[in-house]
PDB file of N, CA and C in Angstrom:
ATOM      1  N   MET A   1     -15.831  -1.479   5.902  1.00  0.00           N
ATOM      2  CA  MET A   1     -16.002  -0.309   6.537  1.00  0.00           C
ATOM      3  C   MET A   1     -16.927   0.704   5.691  1.00  0.00           C
ATOM      4  N   GLY A   2     -17.940   1.141   6.294  1.00  0.00           N
ATOM      5  CA  GLY A   2     -18.735   2.192   6.074  1.00  0.00           C
ATOM      6  C   GLY A   2     -18.627   3.250   5.511  1.00  0.00           C
ATOM      7  N   SER A   3     -17.249   3.744   6.475  1.00  0.00           N
ATOM      8  CA  SER A   3     -16.968   5.321   6.437  1.00  0.00           C
ATOM      9  C   SER A   3     -16.029   5.572   4.576  1.00  0.00           C
ATOM     10  N   GLY A   4     -15.951   4.389   4.014  1.00  0.00           N
ATOM     11  CA  GLY A   4     -14.906   4.573   2.480  1.00  0.00           C
ATOM     12  C   GLY A   4     -13.464   4.428   2.664  1.00  0.00           C
ATOM     13  N   VAL A   5     -13.087   4.270   3.908  1.00  0.00           N
ATOM     14  CA  VAL A   5     -11.393   4.221   4.165  1.00  0.00           C
ATOM     15  C   VAL A   5     -11.545   3.349   3.358  1.00  0.00           C
ATOM     16  N   ARG A   6     -10.295   3.268   2.426  1.00  0.00           N
ATOM     17  CA  ARG A   6      -9.107   1.886   1.784  1.00  0.00           C
ATOM     18  C   ARG A   6      -8.201   2.000   2.500  1.00  0.00           C
ATOM     19  N   PHE A   7      -8.096   1.080   2.890  1.00  0.00           N
ATOM     20  CA  PHE A   7      -6.543   0.665   3.855  1.00  0.00           C
ATOM     21  C   PHE A   7      -5.652  -1.000   3.343  1.00  0.00           C
ATOM     22  N   LEU A   8      -4.696  -0.379   3.031  1.00  0.00           N
ATOM     23  CA  LEU A   8      -3.904  -1.679   2.537  1.00  0.00           C
ATOM     24  C   LEU A   8      -2.779  -1.964   3.753  1.00  0.00           C
ATOM     25  N   VAL A   9      -1.986  -3.032   3.522  1.00  0.00           N
ATOM     26  CA  VAL A   9      -1.428  -3.610   4.555  1.00  0.00           C
ATOM     27  C   VAL A   9       0.170  -3.978   3.862  1.00  0.00           C
ATOM     28  N   ALA A  10       1.594  -3.129   4.436  1.00  0.00           N
ATOM     29  CA  ALA A  10       2.452  -3.977   3.836  1.00  0.00           C
ATOM     30  C   ALA A  10       3.113  -5.136   4.364  1.00  0.00           C
ATOM     31  N   ARG A  11       3.670  -6.319   3.822  1.00  0.00           N
ATOM     32  CA  ARG A  11       4.016  -7.530   4.425  1.00  0.00           C
ATOM     33  C   ARG A  11       5.121  -7.566   3.743  1.00  0.00           C
ATOM     34  N   MET A  12       6.328  -8.339   4.845  1.00  0.00           N
ATOM     35  CA  MET A  12       7.896  -9.443   4.231  1.00  0.00           C
ATOM     36  C   MET A  12       8.061 -10.464   5.108  1.00  0.00           C
ATOM     37  N   ASP A  13       7.450 -11.677   4.239  1.00  0.00           N
ATOM     38  CA  ASP A  13       7.074 -12.880   4.388  1.00  0.00           C
ATOM     39  C   ASP A  13       5.612 -12.483   5.256  1.00  0.00           C
ATOM     40  N   GLU A  14       6.030 -13.131   6.667  1.00  0.00           N
ATOM     41  CA  GLU A  14       4.625 -12.787   7.504  1.00  0.00           C
ATOM     42  C   GLU A  14       4.430 -11.370   8.527  1.00  0.00           C
ATOM     43  N   ASP A  15       5.263 -10.605   8.345  1.00  0.00           N
ATOM     44  CA  ASP A  15       5.342  -9.897   9.098  1.00  0.00           C
ATOM     45  C   ASP A  15       4.956  -8.432   8.629  1.00  0.00           C
ATOM     46  N   VAL A  16       3.986  -7.968   9.287  1.00  0.00           N
ATOM     47  CA  VAL A  16       3.519  -6.263   8.762  1.00  0.00           C
ATOM     48  C   VAL A  16       4.336  -5.530   8.884  1.00  0.00           C
ATOM     49  N   VAL A  17       5.243  -4.431   8.006  1.00  0.00           N
ATOM     50  CA  VAL A  17       5.983  -4.356   7.978  1.00  0.00           C
ATOM     51  C   VAL A  17       5.391  -2.419   7.910  1.00  0.00           C
ATOM     52  N   GLY A  18       4.026  -2.380   7.145  1.00  0.00           N
ATOM     53  CA  GLY A  18       3.660  -0.793   6.895  1.00  0.00           C
ATOM     54  C   GLY A  18       2.201  -0.586   6.735  1.00  0.00           C
ATOM     55  N   THR A  19       1.600   0.108   6.975  1.00  0.00           N
ATOM     56  CA  THR A  19       0.369  -0.083   6.279  1.00  0.00           C
ATOM     57  C   THR A  19      -0.208   1.622   5.496  1.00  0.00           C
ATOM     58  N   ILE A  20      -0.932   1.890   4.805  1.00  0.00           N
ATOM     59  CA  ILE A  20      -1.719   2.928   4.241  1.00  0.00           C
ATOM     60  C   ILE A  20      -2.726   3.010   4.085  1.00  0.00           C
ATOM     61  N   SER A  21      -3.298   4.193   4.370  1.00  0.00           N
ATOM     62  CA  SER A  21      -5.010   3.972   3.913  1.00  0.00           C
ATOM     63  C   SER A  21      -5.447   5.289   3.365  1.00  0.00           C
ATOM     64  N   ILE A  22      -6.403   5.433   2.636  1.00  0.00           N
ATOM     65  CA  ILE A  22      -6.864   6.610   1.961  1.00  0.00           C
ATOM     66  C   ILE A  22      -8.381   6.905   2.337  1.00  0.00           C
ATOM     67  N   GLU A  23      -9.108   8.641   2.676  1.00  0.00           N
ATOM     68  CA  GLU A  23     -10.312   8.322   2.841  1.00  0.00           C
ATOM     69  C   GLU A  23     -10.913   9.265   1.774  1.00  0.00           C
ATOM     70  N   PRO A  24     -12.412   9.450   1.827  1.00  0.00           N
ATOM     71  CA  PRO A  24     -13.191  10.537   0.997  1.00  0.00           C
ATOM     72  C   PRO A  24     -12.975  11.886   1.719  1.00  0.00           C
ATOM     73  N   CYS A  25     -12.521  12.854   0.802  1.00  0.00           N
ATOM     74  CA  CYS A  25     -13.051  14.110   1.228  1.00  0.00           C
ATOM     75  C   CYS A  25     -14.169  14.429   2.176  1.00  0.00           C
ATOM     76  N   ASN A  26     -13.729  15.470   3.571  1.00  0.00           N
ATOM     77  CA  ASN A  26     -14.935  15.114   3.764  1.00  0.00           C
ATOM     78  C   ASN A  26     -16.112  16.281   2.961  1.00  0.00           C
ATOM     79  N   ASP A  27     -17.336  16.375   3.809  1.00  0.00           N
ATOM     80  CA  ASP A  27     -18.812  16.872   3.136  1.00  0.00           C
ATOM     81  C   ASP A  27     -18.316  18.529   2.678  1.00  0.00           C
ATOM     82  N   ASP A  28     -17.648  19.111   3.805  1.00  0.00           N
ATOM     83  CA  ASP A  28     -17.310  20.518   3.751  1.00  0.00           C
ATOM     84  C   ASP A  28     -16.096  20.779   2.445  1.00  0.00           C
ATOM     85  N   ILE A  29     -15.162  19.987   2.333  1.00  0.00           N
ATOM     86  CA  ILE A  29     -14.517  19.986   1.452  1.00  0.00           C
ATOM     87  C   ILE A  29     -14.997  20.041  -0.302  1.00  0.00           C
ATOM     88  N   ILE A  30     -16.207  19.189  -0.281  1.00  0.00           N
ATOM     89  CA  ILE A  30     -16.660  18.784  -1.588  1.00  0.00           C
ATOM     90  C   ILE A  30     -17.431  20.132  -1.853  1.00  0.00           C
ATOM     91  N   HIS A  31     -18.325  20.234  -0.965  1.00  0.00           N
ATOM     92  CA  HIS A  31     -19.289  21.209  -1.149  1.00  0.00           C
ATOM     93  C   HIS A  31     -18.351  22.685  -1.216  1.00  0.00           C
ATOM     94  N   CYS A  32     -17.534  23.532  -0.231  1.00  0.00           N
ATOM     95  CA  CYS A  32     -16.515  24.438  -0.869  1.00  0.00           C
ATOM     96  C   CYS A  32     -15.766  24.277  -2.282  1.00  0.00           C
ATOM     97  N   THR A  33     -15.608  23.105  -2.695  1.00  0.00           N
ATOM     98  CA  THR A  33     -14.646  22.942  -4.057  1.00  0.00           C
ATOM     99  C   THR A  33     -16.048  23.210  -5.111  1.00  0.00           C
ATOM    100  N   GLY A  34     -16.838  23.104  -4.577  1.00  0.00           N
ATOM    101  CA  GLY A  34     -17.730  22.910  -5.948  1.00  0.00           C
ATOM    102  C   GLY A  34     -17.912  21.672  -6.326  1.00  0.00           C
ATOM    103  N   ASP A  35     -18.466  20.594  -5.729  1.00  0.00           N
ATOM    104  CA  ASP A  35     -17.850  19.363  -6.201  1.00  0.00           C
ATOM    105  C   ASP A  35     -16.805  18.537  -6.894  1.00  0.00           C
ATOM    106  N   ARG A  36     -15.702  19.306  -6.785  1.00  0.00           N
ATOM    107  CA  ARG A  36     -14.869  19.143  -7.859  1.00  0.00           C
ATOM    108  C   ARG A  36     -13.891  18.109  -6.721  1.00  0.00           C
ATOM    109  N   MET A  37     -13.837  17.994  -5.942  1.00  0.00           N
ATOM    110  CA  MET A  37     -13.418  17.077  -4.983  1.00  0.00           C
ATOM    111  C   MET A  37     -13.945  15.806  -4.435  1.00  0.00           C
ATOM    112  N   LYS A  38     -14.856  15.431  -5.192  1.00  0.00           N
ATOM    113  CA  LYS A  38     -16.407  14.218  -4.775  1.00  0.00           C
ATOM    114  C   LYS A  38     -15.646  12.904  -5.053  1.00  0.00           C
ATOM    115  N   ASN A  39     -14.973  12.850  -5.765  1.00  0.00           N
ATOM    116  CA  ASN A  39     -14.309  11.767  -5.769  1.00  0.00           C
ATOM    117  C   ASN A  39     -12.399  11.694  -5.729  1.00  0.00           C
ATOM    118  N   ILE A  40     -12.321  12.521  -5.332  1.00  0.00           N
ATOM    119  CA  ILE A  40     -10.793  12.542  -4.583  1.00  0.00           C
ATOM    120  C   ILE A  40     -10.623  11.928  -3.296  1.00  0.00           C
ATOM    121  N   PHE A  41      -9.579  11.202  -2.910  1.00  0.00           N
ATOM    122  CA  PHE A  41      -9.223  10.854  -1.999  1.00  0.00           C
ATOM    123  C   PHE A  41      -7.862  11.202  -1.300  1.00  0.00           C
ATOM    124  N   GLY A  42      -7.997  11.174  -0.043  1.00  0.00           N
ATOM    125  CA  GLY A  42      -7.069  11.888   0.699  1.00  0.00           C
ATOM    126  C   GLY A  42      -6.193  10.930   1.495  1.00  0.00           C
ATOM    127  N   LEU A  43      -5.000  10.951   1.005  1.00  0.00           N
ATOM    128  CA  LEU A  43      -3.757   9.836   1.874  1.00  0.00           C
ATOM    129  C   LEU A  43      -3.986  10.559   3.224  1.00  0.00           C
ATOM    130  N   ASP A  44      -4.988   9.945   4.234  1.00  0.00           N
ATOM    131  CA  ASP A  44      -5.292   9.321   5.613  1.00  0.00           C
ATOM    132  C   ASP A  44      -3.527   9.299   6.556  1.00  0.00           C
ATOM    133  N   SER A  45      -3.202   8.266   5.920  1.00  0.00           N
ATOM    134  CA  SER A  45      -1.898   7.293   6.998  1.00  0.00           C
ATOM    135  C   SER A  45      -0.734   6.612   6.006  1.00  0.00           C
ATOM    136  N   LEU A  46       0.433   6.901   5.935  1.00  0.00           N
ATOM    137  CA  LEU A  46       1.345   6.074   6.088  1.00  0.00           C
ATOM    138  C   LEU A  46       2.698   5.869   6.879  1.00  0.00           C
ATOM    139  N   TYR A  47       2.549   4.526   7.199  1.00  0.00           N
ATOM    140  CA  TYR A  47       3.460   3.772   8.281  1.00  0.00           C
ATOM    141  C   TYR A  47       4.565   3.091   8.002  1.00  0.00           C
ATOM    142  N   VAL A  48       5.470   2.888   8.115  1.00  0.00           N
ATOM    143  CA  VAL A  48       6.482   1.839   7.708  1.00  0.00           C
ATOM    144  C   VAL A  48       7.578   1.657   9.218  1.00  0.00           C
ATOM    145  N   LEU A  49       7.498   0.632   9.461  1.00  0.00           N
ATOM    146  CA  LEU A  49       8.074   0.434  10.914  1.00  0.00           C
ATOM    147  C   LEU A  49       9.745   0.736  10.502  1.00  0.00           C
ATOM    148  N   ARG A  50      10.431   1.361  11.619  1.00  0.00           N
ATOM    149  CA  ARG A  50      11.729   2.255  11.416  1.00  0.00           C
ATOM    150  C   ARG A  50      12.471   1.075  10.977  1.00  0.00           C
ATOM    151  N   GLU A  51      12.634  -0.148  11.242  1.00  0.00           N
ATOM    152  CA  GLU A  51      13.442  -1.062  10.811  1.00  0.00           C
ATOM    153  C   GLU A  51      13.496  -1.175   9.516  1.00  0.00           C
ATOM    154  N   HIS A  52      12.565  -0.890   8.629  1.00  0.00           N
ATOM    155  CA  HIS A  52      11.975  -0.617   7.438  1.00  0.00           C
ATOM    156  C   HIS A  52      12.042  -0.066   6.226  1.00  0.00           C
ATOM    157  N   GLN A  53      12.337   1.145   6.895  1.00  0.00           N
ATOM    158  CA  GLN A  53      12.145   2.120   5.935  1.00  0.00           C
ATOM    159  C   GLN A  53      13.503   2.652   5.533  1.00  0.00           C
ATOM    160  N   CYS A  54      13.144   3.589   4.189  1.00  0.00           N
ATOM    161  CA  CYS A  54      14.090   3.573   3.291  1.00  0.00           C
ATOM    162  C   CYS A  54      14.905   2.334   2.415  1.00  0.00           C
ATOM    163  N   ARG A  55      13.582   1.757   2.262  1.00  0.00           N
ATOM    164  CA  ARG A  55      13.782   0.319   1.190  1.00  0.00           C
ATOM    165  C   ARG A  55      12.712   0.397   0.309  1.00  0.00           C
ATOM    166  N   GLY A  56      12.236   1.309   0.282  1.00  0.00           N
ATOM    167  CA  GLY A  56      11.363   1.576  -0.929  1.00  0.00           C
ATOM    168  C   GLY A  56       9.450   1.369  -0.568  1.00  0.00           C
ATOM    169  N   ILE A  57       9.523   0.198   1.061  1.00  0.00           N
ATOM    170  CA  ILE A  57       8.177   0.542   1.033  1.00  0.00           C
ATOM    171  C   ILE A  57       7.309   1.374   1.323  1.00  0.00           C
ATOM    172  N   GLY A  58       7.394   2.801   1.187  1.00  0.00           N
ATOM    173  CA  GLY A  58       6.595   3.549   1.442  1.00  0.00           C
ATOM    174  C   GLY A  58       6.145   3.912   0.075  1.00  0.00           C
ATOM    175  N   SER A  59       6.789   3.987  -0.849  1.00  0.00           N
ATOM    176  CA  SER A  59       6.578   4.044  -2.178  1.00  0.00           C
ATOM    177  C   SER A  59       5.897   3.291  -2.978  1.00  0.00           C
ATOM    178  N   ALA A  60       6.273   1.838  -2.471  1.00  0.00           N
ATOM    179  CA  ALA A  60       5.687   0.612  -3.160  1.00  0.00           C
ATOM    180  C   ALA A  60       4.084   0.907  -2.706  1.00  0.00           C
ATOM    181  N   SER A  61       3.924   1.303  -1.070  1.00  0.00           N
ATOM    182  CA  SER A  61       2.523   1.653  -0.618  1.00  0.00           C
ATOM    183  C   SER A  61       1.728   2.337  -1.711  1.00  0.00           C
ATOM    184  N   ILE A  62       2.156   3.560  -1.797  1.00  0.00           N
ATOM    185  CA  ILE A  62       1.952   4.484  -2.107  1.00  0.00           C
ATOM    186  C   ILE A  62       1.309   4.156  -3.888  1.00  0.00           C
ATOM    187  N   LYS A  63       2.364   3.607  -4.345  1.00  0.00           N
ATOM    188  CA  LYS A  63       2.033   3.014  -5.810  1.00  0.00           C
ATOM    189  C   LYS A  63       0.998   1.893  -6.010  1.00  0.00           C
ATOM    190  N   GLY A  64       1.034   0.924  -4.646  1.00  0.00           N
ATOM    191  CA  GLY A  64      -0.326  -0.461  -4.613  1.00  0.00           C
ATOM    192  C   GLY A  64      -1.928   0.476  -4.267  1.00  0.00           C
ATOM    193  N   MET A  65      -1.596   1.241  -3.500  1.00  0.00           N
ATOM    194  CA  MET A  65      -3.030   1.862  -3.258  1.00  0.00           C
ATOM    195  C   MET A  65      -3.795   2.753  -4.548  1.00  0.00           C
ATOM    196  N   ALA A  66      -2.749   3.035  -5.663  1.00  0.00           N
ATOM    197  CA  ALA A  66      -3.070   4.327  -7.142  1.00  0.00           C
ATOM    198  C   ALA A  66      -3.507   2.931  -7.386  1.00  0.00           C
ATOM    199  N   ASN A  67      -2.913   1.727  -7.801  1.00  0.00           N
ATOM    200  CA  ASN A  67      -3.642   0.684  -8.468  1.00  0.00           C
ATOM    201  C   ASN A  67      -4.890   0.279  -8.074  1.00  0.00           C
ATOM    202  N   CYS A  68      -5.061   0.385  -6.651  1.00  0.00           N
ATOM    203  CA  CYS A  68      -6.616   0.155  -6.098  1.00  0.00           C
ATOM    204  C   CYS A  68      -7.987   0.651  -6.552  1.00  0.00           C
ATOM    205  N   PRO A  69      -7.787   2.105  -6.707  1.00  0.00           N
ATOM    206  CA  PRO A  69      -8.803   3.224  -6.352  1.00  0.00           C
ATOM    207  C   PRO A  69      -9.116   2.838  -8.067  1.00  0.00           C
ATOM    208  N   ALA A  70      -8.054   3.200  -8.728  1.00  0.00           N
ATOM    209  CA  ALA A  70      -8.589   2.667 -10.711  1.00  0.00           C
ATOM    210  C   ALA A  70      -9.954   1.436 -10.439  1.00  0.00           C
ATOM    211  N   LYS A  71      -9.981   0.599  -9.529  1.00  0.00           N
ATOM    212  CA  LYS A  71     -11.018  -0.678  -9.596  1.00  0.00           C
ATOM    213  C   LYS A  71     -12.417  -0.437  -8.883  1.00  0.00           C
ATOM    214  N   ARG A  72     -12.190   0.733  -8.284  1.00  0.00           N
ATOM    215  CA  ARG A  72     -12.981   1.358  -7.276  1.00  0.00           C
ATOM    216  C   ARG A  72     -13.575   2.754  -7.342  1.00  0.00           C
ATOM    217  N   GLU A  73     -13.515   3.125  -8.947  1.00  0.00           N
ATOM    218  CA  GLU A  73     -13.959   4.153  -9.284  1.00  0.00           C
ATOM    219  C   GLU A  73     -13.869   5.669  -8.619  1.00  0.00           C
ATOM    220  N   ILE A  74     -12.283   5.776  -8.065  1.00  0.00           N
ATOM    221  CA  ILE A  74     -11.769   6.769  -7.206  1.00  0.00           C
ATOM    222  C   ILE A  74     -11.114   7.141  -8.191  1.00  0.00           C
ATOM    223  N   GLU A  75     -11.192   8.821  -8.946  1.00  0.00           N
ATOM    224  CA  GLU A  75     -10.459   9.481  -9.440  1.00  0.00           C
ATOM    225  C   GLU A  75      -9.212   9.396  -9.217  1.00  0.00           C
ATOM    226  N   SER A  76      -8.474   9.977  -8.393  1.00  0.00           N
ATOM    227  CA  SER A  76      -7.439   9.951  -7.508  1.00  0.00           C
ATOM    228  C   SER A  76      -6.881  10.254  -6.272  1.00  0.00           C
ATOM    229  N   PHE A  77      -6.248  10.323  -5.406  1.00  0.00           N
ATOM    230  CA  PHE A  77      -5.823  10.795  -4.218  1.00  0.00           C
ATOM    231  C   PHE A  77      -4.354  11.596  -4.135  1.00  0.00           C
ATOM    232  N   CYS A  78      -4.878  12.229  -3.041  1.00  0.00           N
ATOM    233  CA  CYS A  78      -3.921  13.116  -2.704  1.00  0.00           C
ATOM    234  C   CYS A  78      -3.107  13.214  -1.125  1.00  0.00           C
ATOM    235  N   PRO A  79      -2.315  13.666  -1.077  1.00  0.00           N
ATOM    236  CA  PRO A  79      -1.753  13.834   0.521  1.00  0.00           C
ATOM    237  C   PRO A  79      -2.351  14.361   1.721  1.00  0.00           C
ATOM    238  N   ASP A  80      -3.544  15.228   1.108  1.00  0.00           N
ATOM    239  CA  ASP A  80      -3.891  16.107   2.421  1.00  0.00           C
ATOM    240  C   ASP A  80      -5.559  16.323   1.684  1.00  0.00           C
ATOM    241  N   SER A  81      -6.370  15.803   1.949  1.00  0.00           N
ATOM    242  CA  SER A  81      -8.014  15.532   1.642  1.00  0.00           C
ATOM    243  C   SER A  81      -7.633  17.524   1.085  1.00  0.00           C
ATOM    244  N   GLY A  82      -7.663  17.954   2.071  1.00  0.00           N
ATOM    245  CA  GLY A  82      -7.732  19.589   1.667  1.00  0.00           C
ATOM    246  C   GLY A  82      -7.194  20.673   0.766  1.00  0.00           C
ATOM    247  N   CYS A  83      -6.316  19.890  -0.177  1.00  0.00           N
ATOM    248  CA  CYS A  83      -5.409  19.846  -1.037  1.00  0.00           C
ATOM    249  C   CYS A  83      -5.923  20.002  -2.819  1.00  0.00           C
ATOM    250  N   TYR A  84      -5.860  21.209  -3.494  1.00  0.00           N
ATOM    251  CA  TYR A  84      -6.789  20.771  -4.843  1.00  0.00           C
ATOM    252  C   TYR A  84      -6.142  20.008  -5.807  1.00  0.00           C
ATOM    253  N   ARG A  85      -4.419  20.593  -5.747  1.00  0.00           N
ATOM    254  CA  ARG A  85      -3.462  19.861  -6.582  1.00  0.00           C
ATOM    255  C   ARG A  85      -3.466  17.857  -5.880  1.00  0.00           C
ATOM    256  N   HIS A  86      -3.556  17.414  -7.303  1.00  0.00           N
ATOM    257  CA  HIS A  86      -4.097  15.963  -6.658  1.00  0.00           C
ATOM    258  C   HIS A  86      -3.434  15.235  -7.722  1.00  0.00           C
ATOM    259  N   VAL A  87      -3.073  13.945  -7.396  1.00  0.00           N
ATOM    260  CA  VAL A  87      -2.481  12.711  -8.197  1.00  0.00           C
ATOM    261  C   VAL A  87      -3.624  12.070  -9.036  1.00  0.00           C
ATOM    262  N   PRO A  88      -3.763  12.623 -10.553  1.00  0.00           N
ATOM    263  CA  PRO A  88      -4.767  11.304 -11.289  1.00  0.00           C
ATOM    264  C   PRO A  88      -3.967   9.926 -11.111  1.00  0.00           C
ATOM    265  N   VAL A  89      -5.168   8.851 -10.977  1.00  0.00           N
ATOM    266  CA  VAL A  89      -4.680   7.095 -10.487  1.00  0.00           C
ATOM    267  C   VAL A  89      -3.674   6.782 -11.288  1.00  0.00           C
ATOM    268  N   GLN A  90      -4.134   7.478 -12.665  1.00  0.00           N
ATOM    269  CA  GLN A  90      -3.604   6.966 -14.044  1.00  0.00           C
ATOM    270  C   GLN A  90      -1.851   7.177 -14.135  1.00  0.00           C
ATOM    271  N   SER A  91      -1.595   8.618 -13.477  1.00  0.00           N
ATOM    272  CA  SER A  91      -0.224   9.013 -13.468  1.00  0.00           C
ATOM    273  C   SER A  91       0.635   8.148 -12.689  1.00  0.00           C
ATOM    274  N   MET A  92       0.049   7.312 -11.837  1.00  0.00           N
ATOM    275  CA  MET A  92       0.633   6.605 -10.410  1.00  0.00           C
ATOM    276  C   MET A  92       1.473   5.707 -10.737  1.00  0.00           C
ATOM    277  N   TYR A  93       1.102   5.056 -12.395  1.00  0.00           N
ATOM    278  CA  TYR A  93       1.259   3.199 -12.498  1.00  0.00           C
ATOM    279  C   TYR A  93       2.776   3.574 -12.940  1.00  0.00           C
TER     280      TYR A  93
END
């Protein structure tokens, strides 16, 4: 994926029960914030099948995604690319 989107799939046995993706802030956000959001990713999507909701899959997906960025030199990610309050990757562990 050349766009910088990071994507994970939640599985139960062999079935896909959810997905999560994050993407880099766009150039306008980076410019408007004086490069403070340069290494910040925004939560792009989080889906869990209805029959699997309320079982912690969404929370586990967010924590799983938080474990991946540390290995990919992403400082943190936030629920919306336009926000300034973000969650450092280390605090998600």
